[in-house]
């Protein structure tokens, strides 16, 4: 059985946007939706004020009840479970993620300080969860396009497979971007630059070929812009329903949980961002 789409909710507008996206994803994949509202340790009910404890308990259950009603109103046939565990939010969500197909979280709104826009809990989950993690800042309407960053790494391969699947599920165009930067001086090197661009284009076509064959119904646009990957992908996200990247790329260092491109796009993507890592290999018994 396919694992559930796991969504974290806290009653905020951003978490409700994540809920809407997660419910649609569960409906598209015909898999369960699991709604989790984590009660931080400082908010537990071990208090001498029994009345306050009951009020807090009702409040937390109300958050889940509202989320459940919203999801079922949009998708009445959805199989749905929920939980209100207590603990540090990131470890609780990571434990829940072990059995999930995808984890969905809301992003904070713009208007803060750089990396603080995402929030520490979401950043920890993105950096350590095994399944794909989708960060939703808003729910776009009608672009019918999935954008994926490609660089030939194993992380990119995982992102590319996920992006093809998403485009197929949604009947969307897939825009595959392999961004590169010309290391040569700009003057008098147009012939060399053109040759390099052709090499990158051929590499991209080679990476796409197996999945084009697996998903013949997906329209693919392959592009090799000569600019930094963050710039190209952030701009493309303005016209996309979903942006997909690997958790690390060829520039990553062993031991880091998140690459610089994926980390920056968590702040600058203009559509929901899926961060994908290769599934852990299982060792035969």
C-alpha atoms as a PDB file:
ATOM      1  CA  UNK A   1       0.000   0.000   0.000  1.00  0.00           C
ATOM      2  CA  UNK A   2       1.223   3.503  -0.814  1.00  0.00           C
ATOM      3  CA  UNK A   3       2.231   5.516   2.236  1.00  0.00           C
ATOM      4  CA  UNK A   4       0.146   8.538   3.166  1.00  0.00           C
ATOM      5  CA  UNK A   5       0.638  12.143   2.188  1.00  0.00           C
ATOM      6  CA  UNK A   6       1.639  13.660   5.528  1.00  0.00           C
ATOM      7  CA  UNK A   7       0.781  17.300   6.186  1.00  0.00           C
ATOM      8  CA  UNK A   8       1.682  19.319   9.255  1.00  0.00           C
ATOM      9  CA  UNK A   9      -0.921  21.858  10.366  1.00  0.00           C
ATOM     10  CA  UNK A  10      -0.922  24.530  13.060  1.00  0.00           C
ATOM     11  CA  UNK A  11      -4.043  26.561  12.274  1.00  0.00           C
ATOM     12  CA  UNK A  12      -2.160  29.276  10.376  1.00  0.00           C
ATOM     13  CA  UNK A  13      -2.951  30.373   6.856  1.00  0.00           C
ATOM     14  CA  UNK A  14       0.305  28.903   5.583  1.00  0.00           C
ATOM     15  CA  UNK A  15      -0.487  25.475   6.994  1.00  0.00           C
ATOM     16  CA  UNK A  16      -3.973  25.568   5.468  1.00  0.00           C
ATOM     17  CA  UNK A  17      -2.409  26.274   2.064  1.00  0.00           C
ATOM     18  CA  UNK A  18      -0.181  23.259   2.618  1.00  0.00           C
ATOM     19  CA  UNK A  19      -3.271  21.255   3.575  1.00  0.00           C
ATOM     20  CA  UNK A  20      -5.048  22.186   0.333  1.00  0.00           C
ATOM     21  CA  UNK A  21      -2.017  21.092  -1.695  1.00  0.00           C
ATOM     22  CA  UNK A  22      -1.606  17.867   0.295  1.00  0.00           C
ATOM     23  CA  UNK A  23      -5.269  16.910  -0.041  1.00  0.00           C
ATOM     24  CA  UNK A  24      -5.119  17.400  -3.798  1.00  0.00           C
ATOM     25  CA  UNK A  25      -1.931  15.337  -3.961  1.00  0.00           C
ATOM     26  CA  UNK A  26      -3.527  12.505  -1.969  1.00  0.00           C
ATOM     27  CA  UNK A  27      -6.574  12.572  -4.246  1.00  0.00           C
ATOM     28  CA  UNK A  28      -4.405  12.502  -7.385  1.00  0.00           C
ATOM     29  CA  UNK A  29      -2.349   9.588  -6.086  1.00  0.00           C
ATOM     30  CA  UNK A  30      -5.360   7.824  -4.537  1.00  0.00           C
ATOM     31  CA  UNK A  31      -3.545   7.379  -1.265  1.00  0.00           C
ATOM     32  CA  UNK A  32      -4.406   8.345   2.331  1.00  0.00           C
ATOM     33  CA  UNK A  33      -3.947  11.805   3.784  1.00  0.00           C
ATOM     34  CA  UNK A  34      -2.532  12.067   7.309  1.00  0.00           C
ATOM     35  CA  UNK A  35      -2.993  15.341   9.179  1.00  0.00           C
ATOM     36  CA  UNK A  36      -0.639  15.960  12.103  1.00  0.00           C
ATOM     37  CA  UNK A  37      -0.751  18.870  14.542  1.00  0.00           C
ATOM     38  CA  UNK A  38       2.227  18.709  16.889  1.00  0.00           C
ATOM     39  CA  UNK A  39       1.742  20.210  20.348  1.00  0.00           C
ATOM     40  CA  UNK A  40       5.130  21.567  21.511  1.00  0.00           C
ATOM     41  CA  UNK A  41       6.309  20.431  24.975  1.00  0.00           C
ATOM     42  CA  UNK A  42       5.718  23.857  26.513  1.00  0.00           C
ATOM     43  CA  UNK A  43       2.112  23.630  25.358  1.00  0.00           C
ATOM     44  CA  UNK A  44       1.306  20.280  26.956  1.00  0.00           C
ATOM     45  CA  UNK A  45      -1.597  19.894  29.328  1.00  0.00           C
ATOM     46  CA  UNK A  46       0.413  19.227  32.497  1.00  0.00           C
ATOM     47  CA  UNK A  47      -0.745  22.357  34.263  1.00  0.00           C
ATOM     48  CA  UNK A  48      -2.329  23.189  37.563  1.00  0.00           C
ATOM     49  CA  UNK A  49      -4.976  25.186  35.762  1.00  0.00           C
ATOM     50  CA  UNK A  50      -7.342  22.404  34.770  1.00  0.00           C
ATOM     51  CA  UNK A  51      -9.664  24.783  32.952  1.00  0.00           C
ATOM     52  CA  UNK A  52      -6.826  26.140  30.828  1.00  0.00           C
ATOM     53  CA  UNK A  53      -5.703  22.610  30.015  1.00  0.00           C
ATOM     54  CA  UNK A  54      -9.175  21.742  28.753  1.00  0.00           C
ATOM     55  CA  UNK A  55      -9.266  24.949  26.692  1.00  0.00           C
ATOM     56  CA  UNK A  56      -5.883  24.194  25.095  1.00  0.00           C
ATOM     57  CA  UNK A  57      -6.949  20.640  24.393  1.00  0.00           C
ATOM     58  CA  UNK A  58     -10.104  21.844  22.651  1.00  0.00           C
ATOM     59  CA  UNK A  59      -8.060  24.385  20.684  1.00  0.00           C
ATOM     60  CA  UNK A  60      -5.618  21.755  19.368  1.00  0.00           C
ATOM     61  CA  UNK A  61      -8.382  19.298  18.540  1.00  0.00           C
ATOM     62  CA  UNK A  62     -10.191  22.161  16.807  1.00  0.00           C
ATOM     63  CA  UNK A  63      -7.200  22.784  14.527  1.00  0.00           C
ATOM     64  CA  UNK A  64      -7.273  19.171  13.369  1.00  0.00           C
ATOM     65  CA  UNK A  65     -11.071  19.154  13.075  1.00  0.00           C
ATOM     66  CA  UNK A  66     -10.983  22.253  10.871  1.00  0.00           C
ATOM     67  CA  UNK A  67      -8.237  20.792   8.681  1.00  0.00           C
ATOM     68  CA  UNK A  68     -10.155  17.525   8.364  1.00  0.00           C
ATOM     69  CA  UNK A  69     -13.333  19.347   7.346  1.00  0.00           C
ATOM     70  CA  UNK A  70     -11.498  21.406   4.711  1.00  0.00           C
ATOM     71  CA  UNK A  71      -9.841  18.351   3.184  1.00  0.00           C
ATOM     72  CA  UNK A  72     -13.006  16.260   3.087  1.00  0.00           C
ATOM     73  CA  UNK A  73     -15.075  19.119   1.739  1.00  0.00           C
ATOM     74  CA  UNK A  74     -12.744  19.327  -1.271  1.00  0.00           C
ATOM     75  CA  UNK A  75     -12.245  15.550  -1.617  1.00  0.00           C
ATOM     76  CA  UNK A  76     -15.138  13.646   0.059  1.00  0.00           C
ATOM     77  CA  UNK A  77     -13.770  10.198  -0.834  1.00  0.00           C
ATOM     78  CA  UNK A  78     -10.370  10.818   0.722  1.00  0.00           C
ATOM     79  CA  UNK A  79      -9.098   8.256   3.218  1.00  0.00           C
ATOM     80  CA  UNK A  80      -7.942  10.373   6.133  1.00  0.00           C
ATOM     81  CA  UNK A  81      -6.295   9.928   9.524  1.00  0.00           C
ATOM     82  CA  UNK A  82      -5.098  12.508  12.031  1.00  0.00           C
ATOM     83  CA  UNK A  83      -3.011  12.825  15.165  1.00  0.00           C
ATOM     84  CA  UNK A  84      -2.197  15.421  17.845  1.00  0.00           C
ATOM     85  CA  UNK A  85       1.127  14.191  19.264  1.00  0.00           C
ATOM     86  CA  UNK A  86       3.142  16.134  21.814  1.00  0.00           C
ATOM     87  CA  UNK A  87       6.857  16.801  21.538  1.00  0.00           C
ATOM     88  CA  UNK A  88       9.472  18.786  19.665  1.00  0.00           C
ATOM     89  CA  UNK A  89       7.818  19.402  16.255  1.00  0.00           C
ATOM     90  CA  UNK A  90      10.731  18.478  13.965  1.00  0.00           C
ATOM     91  CA  UNK A  91      11.539  15.066  15.535  1.00  0.00           C
ATOM     92  CA  UNK A  92       7.838  14.187  15.717  1.00  0.00           C
ATOM     93  CA  UNK A  93       7.296  15.032  12.046  1.00  0.00           C
ATOM     94  CA  UNK A  94      10.449  13.163  11.030  1.00  0.00           C
ATOM     95  CA  UNK A  95       9.218  10.075  12.891  1.00  0.00           C
ATOM     96  CA  UNK A  96       5.854  10.355  11.131  1.00  0.00           C
ATOM     97  CA  UNK A  97       7.677  10.805   7.799  1.00  0.00           C
ATOM     98  CA  UNK A  98       9.257   7.354   8.015  1.00  0.00           C
ATOM     99  CA  UNK A  99       6.050   5.776   6.711  1.00  0.00           C
ATOM    100  CA  UNK A 100       4.948   8.640   4.464  1.00  0.00           C
ATOM    101  CA  UNK A 101       4.990   8.930   0.690  1.00  0.00           C
ATOM    102  CA  UNK A 102       5.438  12.722   0.822  1.00  0.00           C
ATOM    103  CA  UNK A 103       5.664  15.326   3.572  1.00  0.00           C
ATOM    104  CA  UNK A 104       3.937  18.689   3.025  1.00  0.00           C
ATOM    105  CA  UNK A 105       4.574  21.799   5.111  1.00  0.00           C
ATOM    106  CA  UNK A 106       3.699  25.463   4.811  1.00  0.00           C
ATOM    107  CA  UNK A 107       6.244  28.225   4.341  1.00  0.00           C
ATOM    108  CA  UNK A 108       6.145  31.429   6.322  1.00  0.00           C
ATOM    109  CA  UNK A 109       5.114  34.536   4.446  1.00  0.00           C
ATOM    110  CA  UNK A 110       7.665  36.986   3.098  1.00  0.00           C
ATOM    111  CA  UNK A 111       8.771  39.885   5.191  1.00  0.00           C
ATOM    112  CA  UNK A 112      11.489  38.642   7.531  1.00  0.00           C
ATOM    113  CA  UNK A 113      15.184  37.967   7.544  1.00  0.00           C
ATOM    114  CA  UNK A 114      16.470  35.628   4.839  1.00  0.00           C
ATOM    115  CA  UNK A 115      16.540  32.046   6.043  1.00  0.00           C
ATOM    116  CA  UNK A 116      14.128  32.829   8.888  1.00  0.00           C
ATOM    117  CA  UNK A 117      11.345  32.969   6.299  1.00  0.00           C
ATOM    118  CA  UNK A 118      11.137  29.190   6.107  1.00  0.00           C
ATOM    119  CA  UNK A 119      11.146  28.374   9.788  1.00  0.00           C
ATOM    120  CA  UNK A 120      13.473  26.048  11.678  1.00  0.00           C
ATOM    121  CA  UNK A 121      11.031  23.119  11.856  1.00  0.00           C
ATOM    122  CA  UNK A 122      10.441  23.015   8.103  1.00  0.00           C
ATOM    123  CA  UNK A 123      14.159  23.416   7.433  1.00  0.00           C
ATOM    124  CA  UNK A 124      15.009  20.464   9.701  1.00  0.00           C
ATOM    125  CA  UNK A 125      12.355  18.279   8.067  1.00  0.00           C
ATOM    126  CA  UNK A 126      13.515  19.193   4.552  1.00  0.00           C
ATOM    127  CA  UNK A 127      17.102  18.490   5.516  1.00  0.00           C
ATOM    128  CA  UNK A 128      16.546  15.076   7.105  1.00  0.00           C
ATOM    129  CA  UNK A 129      13.331  13.395   5.870  1.00  0.00           C
ATOM    130  CA  UNK A 130      13.745  10.459   3.482  1.00  0.00           C
ATOM    131  CA  UNK A 131      10.581  10.986   1.395  1.00  0.00           C
ATOM    132  CA  UNK A 132      10.074  14.061  -0.801  1.00  0.00           C
ATOM    133  CA  UNK A 133       9.228  17.196   1.178  1.00  0.00           C
ATOM    134  CA  UNK A 134       7.013  19.848  -0.409  1.00  0.00           C
ATOM    135  CA  UNK A 135       7.105  23.370   0.993  1.00  0.00           C
ATOM    136  CA  UNK A 136       3.996  25.340   0.031  1.00  0.00           C
ATOM    137  CA  UNK A 137       4.077  29.133   0.104  1.00  0.00           C
ATOM    138  CA  UNK A 138       0.896  29.537  -1.938  1.00  0.00           C
ATOM    139  CA  UNK A 139      -1.228  27.338  -4.198  1.00  0.00           C
ATOM    140  CA  UNK A 140      -0.793  28.431  -7.836  1.00  0.00           C
ATOM    141  CA  UNK A 141      -3.628  28.150 -10.316  1.00  0.00           C
ATOM    142  CA  UNK A 142      -3.633  26.949 -13.886  1.00  0.00           C
ATOM    143  CA  UNK A 143      -0.028  27.037 -15.077  1.00  0.00           C
ATOM    144  CA  UNK A 144      -0.079  23.299 -15.869  1.00  0.00           C
ATOM    145  CA  UNK A 145       3.715  23.212 -15.734  1.00  0.00           C
ATOM    146  CA  UNK A 146       6.185  21.350 -13.516  1.00  0.00           C
ATOM    147  CA  UNK A 147       9.767  22.667 -13.454  1.00  0.00           C
ATOM    148  CA  UNK A 148      12.729  20.503 -12.473  1.00  0.00           C
ATOM    149  CA  UNK A 149      16.400  21.306 -12.001  1.00  0.00           C
ATOM    150  CA  UNK A 150      18.729  18.718 -13.572  1.00  0.00           C
ATOM    151  CA  UNK A 151      22.498  18.270 -13.195  1.00  0.00           C
ATOM    152  CA  UNK A 152      23.131  14.545 -13.696  1.00  0.00           C
ATOM    153  CA  UNK A 153      23.749  13.683 -10.023  1.00  0.00           C
ATOM    154  CA  UNK A 154      21.932  10.856  -8.237  1.00  0.00           C
ATOM    155  CA  UNK A 155      19.928  13.503  -6.371  1.00  0.00           C
ATOM    156  CA  UNK A 156      18.971  15.062  -9.684  1.00  0.00           C
ATOM    157  CA  UNK A 157      17.945  11.636 -11.015  1.00  0.00           C
ATOM    158  CA  UNK A 158      15.566  11.228  -8.079  1.00  0.00           C
ATOM    159  CA  UNK A 159      14.145  14.728  -8.625  1.00  0.00           C
ATOM    160  CA  UNK A 160      13.719  14.077 -12.344  1.00  0.00           C
ATOM    161  CA  UNK A 161      11.817  10.819 -11.775  1.00  0.00           C
ATOM    162  CA  UNK A 162       9.547  12.572  -9.256  1.00  0.00           C
ATOM    163  CA  UNK A 163       8.973  15.502 -11.630  1.00  0.00           C
ATOM    164  CA  UNK A 164       7.985  13.236 -14.522  1.00  0.00           C
ATOM    165  CA  UNK A 165       5.543  11.435 -12.258  1.00  0.00           C
ATOM    166  CA  UNK A 166       4.065  14.723 -11.082  1.00  0.00           C
ATOM    167  CA  UNK A 167       3.697  16.039 -14.644  1.00  0.00           C
ATOM    168  CA  UNK A 168       1.992  12.800 -15.672  1.00  0.00           C
ATOM    169  CA  UNK A 169      -0.401  12.891 -12.698  1.00  0.00           C
ATOM    170  CA  UNK A 170      -1.339  16.503 -13.366  1.00  0.00           C
ATOM    171  CA  UNK A 171      -1.447  16.426 -17.162  1.00  0.00           C
ATOM    172  CA  UNK A 172       1.194  19.152 -17.088  1.00  0.00           C
ATOM    173  CA  UNK A 173       4.130  20.162 -19.236  1.00  0.00           C
ATOM    174  CA  UNK A 174       7.552  19.347 -17.792  1.00  0.00           C
ATOM    175  CA  UNK A 175      10.206  22.054 -18.070  1.00  0.00           C
ATOM    176  CA  UNK A 176      13.638  20.545 -17.424  1.00  0.00           C
ATOM    177  CA  UNK A 177      16.372  23.102 -16.719  1.00  0.00           C
ATOM    178  CA  UNK A 178      20.087  22.327 -16.741  1.00  0.00           C
ATOM    179  CA  UNK A 179      21.597  25.690 -15.836  1.00  0.00           C
ATOM    180  CA  UNK A 180      25.299  26.253 -16.361  1.00  0.00           C
ATOM    181  CA  UNK A 181      27.687  29.195 -16.237  1.00  0.00           C
ATOM    182  CA  UNK A 182      30.247  29.878 -18.940  1.00  0.00           C
ATOM    183  CA  UNK A 183      33.691  29.942 -17.249  1.00  0.00           C
ATOM    184  CA  UNK A 184      35.342  31.775 -20.152  1.00  0.00           C
ATOM    185  CA  UNK A 185      35.600  35.543 -20.708  1.00  0.00           C
ATOM    186  CA  UNK A 186      32.651  36.843 -22.694  1.00  0.00           C
ATOM    187  CA  UNK A 187      34.576  38.602 -25.451  1.00  0.00           C
ATOM    188  CA  UNK A 188      35.420  36.638 -28.603  1.00  0.00           C
ATOM    189  CA  UNK A 189      34.362  33.169 -27.426  1.00  0.00           C
ATOM    190  CA  UNK A 190      30.956  32.793 -29.071  1.00  0.00           C
ATOM    191  CA  UNK A 191      32.040  29.681 -31.005  1.00  0.00           C
ATOM    192  CA  UNK A 192      33.371  27.987 -27.871  1.00  0.00           C
ATOM    193  CA  UNK A 193      30.323  29.084 -25.910  1.00  0.00           C
ATOM    194  CA  UNK A 194      27.997  27.640 -28.532  1.00  0.00           C
ATOM    195  CA  UNK A 195      29.898  24.341 -28.446  1.00  0.00           C
ATOM    196  CA  UNK A 196      29.641  24.200 -24.660  1.00  0.00           C
ATOM    197  CA  UNK A 197      25.926  24.942 -24.809  1.00  0.00           C
ATOM    198  CA  UNK A 198      25.457  22.074 -27.280  1.00  0.00           C
ATOM    199  CA  UNK A 199      27.348  19.725 -24.961  1.00  0.00           C
ATOM    200  CA  UNK A 200      25.115  20.675 -22.055  1.00  0.00           C
ATOM    201  CA  UNK A 201      22.006  20.301 -24.219  1.00  0.00           C
ATOM    202  CA  UNK A 202      23.086  16.806 -25.276  1.00  0.00           C
ATOM    203  CA  UNK A 203      23.808  15.832 -21.677  1.00  0.00           C
ATOM    204  CA  UNK A 204      20.348  16.987 -20.661  1.00  0.00           C
ATOM    205  CA  UNK A 205      18.740  15.019 -23.494  1.00  0.00           C
ATOM    206  CA  UNK A 206      20.657  11.914 -22.405  1.00  0.00           C
ATOM    207  CA  UNK A 207      19.420  12.289 -18.806  1.00  0.00           C
ATOM    208  CA  UNK A 208      15.857  12.785 -20.009  1.00  0.00           C
ATOM    209  CA  UNK A 209      15.770   9.934 -22.543  1.00  0.00           C
ATOM    210  CA  UNK A 210      14.839   6.986 -20.233  1.00  0.00           C
ATOM    211  CA  UNK A 211      12.017   8.923 -18.582  1.00  0.00           C
ATOM    212  CA  UNK A 212      10.699  10.290 -21.865  1.00  0.00           C
ATOM    213  CA  UNK A 213      10.302   6.642 -22.880  1.00  0.00           C
ATOM    214  CA  UNK A 214       8.642   5.730 -19.575  1.00  0.00           C
ATOM    215  CA  UNK A 215       6.236   8.706 -19.750  1.00  0.00           C
ATOM    216  CA  UNK A 216       5.500   9.185 -23.470  1.00  0.00           C
ATOM    217  CA  UNK A 217       2.428  11.311 -22.723  1.00  0.00           C
ATOM    218  CA  UNK A 218       4.413  14.025 -20.917  1.00  0.00           C
ATOM    219  CA  UNK A 219       5.352  17.056 -23.005  1.00  0.00           C
ATOM    220  CA  UNK A 220       8.945  17.994 -22.178  1.00  0.00           C
ATOM    221  CA  UNK A 221      10.724  21.292 -22.745  1.00  0.00           C
ATOM    222  CA  UNK A 222      14.495  20.969 -22.225  1.00  0.00           C
ATOM    223  CA  UNK A 223      16.468  24.160 -21.597  1.00  0.00           C
ATOM    224  CA  UNK A 224      20.128  24.907 -20.801  1.00  0.00           C
ATOM    225  CA  UNK A 225      20.255  28.546 -19.670  1.00  0.00           C
ATOM    226  CA  UNK A 226      23.707  30.097 -19.233  1.00  0.00           C
ATOM    227  CA  UNK A 227      23.190  31.473 -15.729  1.00  0.00           C
ATOM    228  CA  UNK A 228      23.372  30.351 -12.094  1.00  0.00           C
ATOM    229  CA  UNK A 229      20.873  27.549 -11.274  1.00  0.00           C
ATOM    230  CA  UNK A 230      19.137  29.483  -8.467  1.00  0.00           C
ATOM    231  CA  UNK A 231      18.381  32.397 -10.788  1.00  0.00           C
ATOM    232  CA  UNK A 232      17.061  30.211 -13.615  1.00  0.00           C
ATOM    233  CA  UNK A 233      14.919  28.015 -11.375  1.00  0.00           C
ATOM    234  CA  UNK A 234      13.534  30.855  -9.250  1.00  0.00           C
ATOM    235  CA  UNK A 235      12.456  32.730 -12.377  1.00  0.00           C
ATOM    236  CA  UNK A 236      10.869  29.612 -13.902  1.00  0.00           C
ATOM    237  CA  UNK A 237       8.950  28.980 -10.659  1.00  0.00           C
ATOM    238  CA  UNK A 238       6.873  32.097 -11.344  1.00  0.00           C
ATOM    239  CA  UNK A 239       5.132  30.214 -14.170  1.00  0.00           C
ATOM    240  CA  UNK A 240       4.899  26.777 -12.557  1.00  0.00           C
ATOM    241  CA  UNK A 241       2.584  24.738 -10.369  1.00  0.00           C
ATOM    242  CA  UNK A 242       5.519  22.894  -8.795  1.00  0.00           C
ATOM    243  CA  UNK A 243       9.308  23.259  -8.731  1.00  0.00           C
ATOM    244  CA  UNK A 244      11.336  20.091  -8.102  1.00  0.00           C
ATOM    245  CA  UNK A 245      14.990  19.904  -7.064  1.00  0.00           C
ATOM    246  CA  UNK A 246      17.311  17.324  -5.559  1.00  0.00           C
ATOM    247  CA  UNK A 247      18.345  17.801  -1.959  1.00  0.00           C
ATOM    248  CA  UNK A 248      21.940  18.104  -3.168  1.00  0.00           C
ATOM    249  CA  UNK A 249      23.632  18.405  -6.520  1.00  0.00           C
ATOM    250  CA  UNK A 250      27.081  17.908  -7.979  1.00  0.00           C
ATOM    251  CA  UNK A 251      28.375  20.816  -5.926  1.00  0.00           C
ATOM    252  CA  UNK A 252      27.360  19.260  -2.594  1.00  0.00           C
ATOM    253  CA  UNK A 253      29.764  18.116   0.111  1.00  0.00           C
ATOM    254  CA  UNK A 254      29.521  14.825   1.939  1.00  0.00           C
ATOM    255  CA  UNK A 255      27.751  15.193   5.272  1.00  0.00           C
ATOM    256  CA  UNK A 256      25.707  18.246   4.345  1.00  0.00           C
ATOM    257  CA  UNK A 257      21.976  17.629   4.555  1.00  0.00           C
ATOM    258  CA  UNK A 258      20.958  20.261   2.015  1.00  0.00           C
ATOM    259  CA  UNK A 259      22.709  21.756  -1.010  1.00  0.00           C
ATOM    260  CA  UNK A 260      23.052  25.488  -1.609  1.00  0.00           C
ATOM    261  CA  UNK A 261      20.683  25.530  -4.598  1.00  0.00           C
ATOM    262  CA  UNK A 262      17.847  23.733  -2.792  1.00  0.00           C
ATOM    263  CA  UNK A 263      18.452  25.815   0.338  1.00  0.00           C
ATOM    264  CA  UNK A 264      18.221  29.109  -1.562  1.00  0.00           C
ATOM    265  CA  UNK A 265      15.150  28.004  -3.504  1.00  0.00           C
ATOM    266  CA  UNK A 266      13.353  27.273  -0.240  1.00  0.00           C
ATOM    267  CA  UNK A 267      13.409  31.052   0.206  1.00  0.00           C
ATOM    268  CA  UNK A 268      12.953  32.263  -3.342  1.00  0.00           C
ATOM    269  CA  UNK A 269      10.679  29.791  -5.141  1.00  0.00           C
ATOM    270  CA  UNK A 270       7.437  31.427  -6.258  1.00  0.00           C
ATOM    271  CA  UNK A 271       5.493  28.136  -6.280  1.00  0.00           C
ATOM    272  CA  UNK A 272       5.433  24.995  -4.089  1.00  0.00           C
ATOM    273  CA  UNK A 273       8.908  23.454  -3.947  1.00  0.00           C
ATOM    274  CA  UNK A 274       9.542  19.696  -3.757  1.00  0.00           C
ATOM    275  CA  UNK A 275      12.936  18.684  -2.383  1.00  0.00           C
ATOM    276  CA  UNK A 276      13.722  15.079  -3.305  1.00  0.00           C
ATOM    277  CA  UNK A 277      16.504  12.740  -2.229  1.00  0.00           C
ATOM    278  CA  UNK A 278      17.262   9.219  -3.470  1.00  0.00           C
ATOM    279  CA  UNK A 279      15.382   6.581  -1.503  1.00  0.00           C
ATOM    280  CA  UNK A 280      17.673   4.648   0.846  1.00  0.00           C
ATOM    281  CA  UNK A 281      18.821   1.368  -0.666  1.00  0.00           C
ATOM    282  CA  UNK A 282      17.651  -1.717   1.184  1.00  0.00           C
ATOM    283  CA  UNK A 283      20.185  -4.448   1.852  1.00  0.00           C
ATOM    284  CA  UNK A 284      19.006  -7.969   0.921  1.00  0.00           C
ATOM    285  CA  UNK A 285      18.710 -10.294   3.916  1.00  0.00           C
END
